[in-house]
Amino acid sequence: MVCAAALTTVTVTPATAQPSGALTAGLTCATAGQWAITCHTSVVGGKAPYTYRYHVGGQMPYNSPSPNMGQSCYGSEGMVSVVVSVYDAAGARDDGVDMAYCGGIIP
């Protein structure tokens, strides 16, 4: 069973530099429990709010500016990846933010 809701949107402020709680609440699976967020993002101060649009699955929704994206989010066997796109208040993607999140389903 795949996870429900392939696309979810959450808005946070720079004060929540690690919005793992919001992501964990938004990414719940139909049968296999909840997500465990194992990576965090670095939010650039002074630019808010950001909109986090995270995708469940192995497809990259964009060419990531983060050099560690592939290793950190796709290099762990048995993990289901979560790719996060970060948008500023005007709706433009902010490539100055590390957009990598990793997630795994807790058995």
N, C-alpha and C. Protein backbone atom coordinates (compact mmCIF):
# COMPACT_ATOMS: atom_id res chain seq x y z
N MET A 1 0.85 -1.19 0.00
CA MET A 1 0.00 0.00 0.00
C MET A 1 0.88 1.24 0.00
N VAL A 2 0.63 2.11 -0.94
CA VAL A 2 1.41 3.34 -1.00
C VAL A 2 0.86 4.35 -0.01
N CYS A 3 1.66 5.35 0.29
CA CYS A 3 1.20 6.36 1.23
C CYS A 3 0.10 7.21 0.60
N ALA A 4 -0.82 7.62 1.42
CA ALA A 4 -1.89 8.48 0.94
C ALA A 4 -1.37 9.89 0.72
N ALA A 5 -1.99 10.59 -0.20
CA ALA A 5 -1.66 12.00 -0.47
C ALA A 5 -0.21 12.16 -0.91
N ALA A 6 0.01 12.05 -2.21
CA ALA A 6 1.36 12.16 -2.74
C ALA A 6 1.93 13.56 -2.63
N LEU A 7 1.08 14.55 -2.46
CA LEU A 7 1.54 15.93 -2.36
C LEU A 7 0.81 16.63 -1.22
N THR A 8 1.59 17.23 -0.34
CA THR A 8 1.04 17.98 0.79
C THR A 8 1.77 19.29 0.90
N THR A 9 1.10 20.34 1.33
CA THR A 9 1.72 21.65 1.46
C THR A 9 1.64 22.12 2.91
N VAL A 10 2.77 22.59 3.43
CA VAL A 10 2.84 23.12 4.79
C VAL A 10 3.58 24.44 4.74
N THR A 11 3.09 25.45 5.44
CA THR A 11 3.75 26.75 5.51
C THR A 11 4.35 26.94 6.89
N VAL A 12 5.63 27.34 6.92
CA VAL A 12 6.31 27.56 8.19
C VAL A 12 7.04 28.89 8.14
N THR A 13 7.57 29.32 9.28
CA THR A 13 8.35 30.54 9.36
C THR A 13 9.81 30.18 9.65
N PRO A 14 10.74 31.13 9.53
CA PRO A 14 12.14 30.81 9.81
C PRO A 14 12.38 30.33 11.23
N ALA A 15 11.49 30.66 12.14
CA ALA A 15 11.66 30.21 13.52
C ALA A 15 11.58 28.69 13.61
N THR A 16 10.81 28.08 12.71
CA THR A 16 10.70 26.62 12.70
C THR A 16 11.66 26.08 11.65
N ALA A 17 12.93 26.14 11.97
CA ALA A 17 13.95 25.73 11.01
C ALA A 17 13.92 24.23 10.76
N GLN A 18 13.34 23.48 11.68
CA GLN A 18 13.23 22.04 11.51
C GLN A 18 11.77 21.63 11.71
N PRO A 19 10.94 21.80 10.68
CA PRO A 19 9.51 21.55 10.85
C PRO A 19 9.16 20.08 10.76
N SER A 20 9.89 19.25 11.53
CA SER A 20 9.66 17.82 11.45
C SER A 20 8.29 17.43 11.99
N GLY A 21 7.79 18.19 12.97
CA GLY A 21 6.48 17.88 13.51
C GLY A 21 5.39 18.03 12.48
N ALA A 22 5.43 19.12 11.71
CA ALA A 22 4.42 19.34 10.68
C ALA A 22 4.53 18.29 9.59
N LEU A 23 5.76 17.92 9.22
CA LEU A 23 5.93 16.92 8.19
C LEU A 23 5.45 15.56 8.66
N THR A 24 5.79 15.22 9.90
CA THR A 24 5.36 13.93 10.43
C THR A 24 3.85 13.85 10.50
N ALA A 25 3.20 14.95 10.87
CA ALA A 25 1.75 14.96 10.95
C ALA A 25 1.11 14.86 9.57
N GLY A 26 1.78 15.41 8.56
CA GLY A 26 1.20 15.43 7.23
C GLY A 26 1.44 14.16 6.44
N LEU A 27 2.51 13.44 6.75
CA LEU A 27 2.85 12.24 6.00
C LEU A 27 2.53 11.00 6.81
N THR A 28 1.31 10.54 6.72
CA THR A 28 0.92 9.31 7.38
C THR A 28 0.53 8.30 6.32
N CYS A 29 0.89 7.06 6.56
CA CYS A 29 0.62 6.01 5.58
C CYS A 29 -0.65 5.26 5.93
N ALA A 30 -1.23 4.66 4.90
CA ALA A 30 -2.53 4.03 5.09
C ALA A 30 -2.45 2.81 6.00
N THR A 31 -1.36 2.04 5.91
CA THR A 31 -1.33 0.79 6.65
C THR A 31 -0.06 0.58 7.46
N ALA A 32 1.00 1.32 7.18
CA ALA A 32 2.31 0.97 7.73
C ALA A 32 2.79 1.92 8.81
N GLY A 33 1.93 2.71 9.41
CA GLY A 33 2.36 3.58 10.48
C GLY A 33 2.73 4.96 10.00
N GLN A 34 3.54 5.66 10.76
CA GLN A 34 3.87 7.04 10.46
C GLN A 34 5.28 7.17 9.91
N TRP A 35 5.55 8.37 9.40
CA TRP A 35 6.87 8.66 8.85
C TRP A 35 7.84 9.05 9.94
N ALA A 36 9.11 8.67 9.76
CA ALA A 36 10.18 9.14 10.62
C ALA A 36 11.07 10.06 9.79
N ILE A 37 11.08 11.35 10.13
CA ILE A 37 11.88 12.31 9.39
C ILE A 37 13.30 12.26 9.92
N THR A 38 14.25 11.98 9.03
CA THR A 38 15.63 11.80 9.48
C THR A 38 16.57 12.88 8.96
N CYS A 39 16.08 13.74 8.11
CA CYS A 39 16.90 14.85 7.63
C CYS A 39 16.19 16.17 7.93
N HIS A 40 16.95 17.24 8.01
CA HIS A 40 16.38 18.55 8.31
C HIS A 40 16.84 19.57 7.27
N THR A 41 16.13 20.65 7.19
CA THR A 41 16.47 21.70 6.24
C THR A 41 17.06 22.90 6.96
N SER A 42 17.88 23.64 6.26
CA SER A 42 18.45 24.88 6.80
C SER A 42 17.69 26.06 6.21
N VAL A 43 16.95 26.75 7.05
CA VAL A 43 16.14 27.88 6.59
C VAL A 43 16.96 29.15 6.69
N VAL A 44 17.03 29.89 5.58
CA VAL A 44 17.77 31.14 5.56
C VAL A 44 16.97 32.20 6.30
N GLY A 45 17.57 32.85 7.29
CA GLY A 45 16.86 33.82 8.10
C GLY A 45 16.45 35.05 7.31
N GLY A 46 15.35 35.65 7.71
CA GLY A 46 14.88 36.88 7.08
C GLY A 46 14.02 36.68 5.87
N LYS A 47 13.81 35.43 5.46
CA LYS A 47 12.95 35.16 4.30
C LYS A 47 11.81 34.25 4.76
N ALA A 48 10.64 34.83 4.88
CA ALA A 48 9.51 34.01 5.34
C ALA A 48 8.20 34.63 4.89
N PRO A 49 7.14 33.87 4.80
CA PRO A 49 7.11 32.44 5.12
C PRO A 49 7.55 31.58 3.94
N TYR A 50 7.95 30.36 4.23
CA TYR A 50 8.26 29.38 3.20
C TYR A 50 7.12 28.38 3.10
N THR A 51 6.89 27.88 1.91
CA THR A 51 5.93 26.81 1.73
C THR A 51 6.69 25.55 1.36
N TYR A 52 6.51 24.51 2.15
CA TYR A 52 7.18 23.24 1.90
C TYR A 52 6.21 22.32 1.17
N ARG A 53 6.57 21.95 -0.04
CA ARG A 53 5.76 21.00 -0.81
C ARG A 53 6.57 19.72 -0.92
N TYR A 54 6.17 18.70 -0.23
CA TYR A 54 6.98 17.51 -0.22
C TYR A 54 6.27 16.36 -0.92
N HIS A 55 7.05 15.60 -1.66
CA HIS A 55 6.54 14.55 -2.52
C HIS A 55 6.99 13.20 -1.97
N VAL A 56 6.07 12.26 -1.88
CA VAL A 56 6.41 10.92 -1.43
C VAL A 56 6.77 10.08 -2.65
N GLY A 57 7.91 9.40 -2.59
CA GLY A 57 8.30 8.54 -3.68
C GLY A 57 9.69 8.82 -4.16
N GLY A 58 10.11 8.15 -5.21
CA GLY A 58 11.48 8.25 -5.68
C GLY A 58 11.70 9.24 -6.80
N GLN A 59 10.67 9.96 -7.21
CA GLN A 59 10.81 10.89 -8.32
C GLN A 59 11.31 12.24 -7.82
N MET A 60 12.33 12.78 -8.50
CA MET A 60 12.82 14.11 -8.16
C MET A 60 11.94 15.14 -8.86
N PRO A 61 11.25 16.02 -8.12
CA PRO A 61 10.38 17.00 -8.76
C PRO A 61 11.13 18.17 -9.37
N TYR A 62 12.43 18.25 -9.13
CA TYR A 62 13.24 19.33 -9.68
C TYR A 62 14.69 18.90 -9.64
N ASN A 63 15.56 19.65 -10.28
CA ASN A 63 17.00 19.43 -10.18
C ASN A 63 17.49 20.12 -8.92
N SER A 64 17.84 19.34 -7.93
CA SER A 64 18.16 19.90 -6.63
C SER A 64 19.50 20.62 -6.64
N PRO A 65 19.56 21.80 -6.00
CA PRO A 65 20.84 22.49 -5.87
C PRO A 65 21.70 21.91 -4.76
N SER A 66 21.15 20.98 -3.99
CA SER A 66 21.89 20.42 -2.86
C SER A 66 22.77 19.27 -3.33
N PRO A 67 24.09 19.34 -3.13
CA PRO A 67 24.97 18.26 -3.58
C PRO A 67 24.77 16.97 -2.79
N ASN A 68 24.15 17.06 -1.62
CA ASN A 68 23.97 15.88 -0.78
C ASN A 68 22.61 15.24 -0.95
N MET A 69 21.80 15.75 -1.88
CA MET A 69 20.45 15.24 -2.01
C MET A 69 20.44 13.74 -2.30
N GLY A 70 21.20 13.32 -3.31
CA GLY A 70 21.16 11.92 -3.70
C GLY A 70 21.67 11.00 -2.61
N GLN A 71 22.77 11.37 -2.00
CA GLN A 71 23.36 10.51 -0.98
C GLN A 71 22.53 10.46 0.28
N SER A 72 22.02 11.62 0.69
CA SER A 72 21.34 11.67 1.99
C SER A 72 19.93 11.11 1.92
N CYS A 73 19.27 11.27 0.79
CA CYS A 73 17.86 10.89 0.74
C CYS A 73 17.59 9.65 -0.10
N TYR A 74 18.56 9.21 -0.89
CA TYR A 74 18.32 8.05 -1.73
C TYR A 74 19.35 6.95 -1.53
N GLY A 75 20.31 7.17 -0.59
CA GLY A 75 21.37 6.20 -0.42
C GLY A 75 21.10 5.16 0.64
N SER A 76 20.01 5.29 1.38
CA SER A 76 19.73 4.35 2.46
C SER A 76 18.79 3.26 1.98
N GLU A 77 19.25 2.03 2.06
CA GLU A 77 18.40 0.92 1.63
C GLU A 77 17.22 0.77 2.58
N GLY A 78 16.08 0.46 2.02
CA GLY A 78 14.90 0.24 2.82
C GLY A 78 14.19 1.50 3.26
N MET A 79 14.67 2.65 2.81
CA MET A 79 14.04 3.90 3.19
C MET A 79 13.18 4.42 2.05
N VAL A 80 12.07 5.03 2.38
CA VAL A 80 11.23 5.69 1.39
C VAL A 80 11.53 7.17 1.44
N SER A 81 11.88 7.73 0.30
CA SER A 81 12.37 9.10 0.29
C SER A 81 11.24 10.11 0.25
N VAL A 82 11.52 11.28 0.82
CA VAL A 82 10.62 12.42 0.76
C VAL A 82 11.41 13.59 0.22
N VAL A 83 10.99 14.14 -0.90
CA VAL A 83 11.68 15.26 -1.51
C VAL A 83 10.90 16.53 -1.23
N VAL A 84 11.59 17.55 -0.75
CA VAL A 84 10.93 18.78 -0.33
C VAL A 84 11.31 19.93 -1.25
N SER A 85 10.32 20.63 -1.76
CA SER A 85 10.54 21.87 -2.50
C SER A 85 10.17 23.03 -1.59
N VAL A 86 11.00 24.06 -1.55
CA VAL A 86 10.77 25.21 -0.68
C VAL A 86 10.46 26.43 -1.54
N TYR A 87 9.35 27.11 -1.22
CA TYR A 87 8.91 28.28 -1.97
C TYR A 87 8.82 29.47 -1.04
N ASP A 88 9.17 30.65 -1.55
CA ASP A 88 9.05 31.85 -0.73
C ASP A 88 7.63 32.39 -0.80
N ALA A 89 7.41 33.53 -0.15
CA ALA A 89 6.05 34.08 -0.06
C ALA A 89 5.49 34.44 -1.43
N ALA A 90 6.35 34.75 -2.39
CA ALA A 90 5.89 35.12 -3.72
C ALA A 90 5.62 33.91 -4.60
N GLY A 91 5.91 32.72 -4.09
CA GLY A 91 5.66 31.51 -4.85
C GLY A 91 6.84 31.04 -5.67
N ALA A 92 7.99 31.70 -5.53
CA ALA A 92 9.18 31.29 -6.26
C ALA A 92 9.99 30.31 -5.42
N ARG A 93 10.58 29.32 -6.08
CA ARG A 93 11.39 28.37 -5.34
C ARG A 93 12.69 29.03 -4.91
N ASP A 94 13.09 28.80 -3.67
CA ASP A 94 14.30 29.41 -3.12
C ASP A 94 15.41 28.38 -3.15
N ASP A 95 16.33 28.53 -4.12
CA ASP A 95 17.42 27.58 -4.25
C ASP A 95 18.50 27.78 -3.21
N GLY A 96 18.38 28.82 -2.37
CA GLY A 96 19.34 29.04 -1.32
C GLY A 96 19.06 28.22 -0.08
N VAL A 97 18.01 27.41 -0.11
CA VAL A 97 17.62 26.61 1.04
C VAL A 97 17.90 25.14 0.74
N ASP A 98 18.48 24.45 1.71
CA ASP A 98 18.69 23.01 1.56
C ASP A 98 17.34 22.31 1.62
N MET A 99 16.94 21.72 0.51
CA MET A 99 15.58 21.21 0.41
C MET A 99 15.48 19.70 0.62
N ALA A 100 16.50 19.10 1.21
CA ALA A 100 16.51 17.64 1.34
C ALA A 100 15.90 17.19 2.66
N TYR A 101 14.90 16.34 2.57
CA TYR A 101 14.38 15.63 3.73
C TYR A 101 14.44 14.14 3.41
N CYS A 102 14.68 13.35 4.43
CA CYS A 102 14.60 11.90 4.25
C CYS A 102 13.52 11.38 5.16
N GLY A 103 12.82 10.38 4.71
CA GLY A 103 11.78 9.81 5.55
C GLY A 103 11.72 8.31 5.41
N GLY A 104 11.40 7.63 6.47
CA GLY A 104 11.23 6.19 6.43
C GLY A 104 9.99 5.81 7.19
N ILE A 105 9.38 4.72 6.80
CA ILE A 105 8.17 4.26 7.47
C ILE A 105 8.57 3.43 8.68
N ILE A 106 8.05 3.77 9.84
CA ILE A 106 8.32 2.99 11.04
C ILE A 106 7.52 1.68 10.96
N PRO A 107 8.19 0.53 11.04
CA PRO A 107 7.45 -0.73 10.92
C PRO A 107 6.48 -0.93 12.08
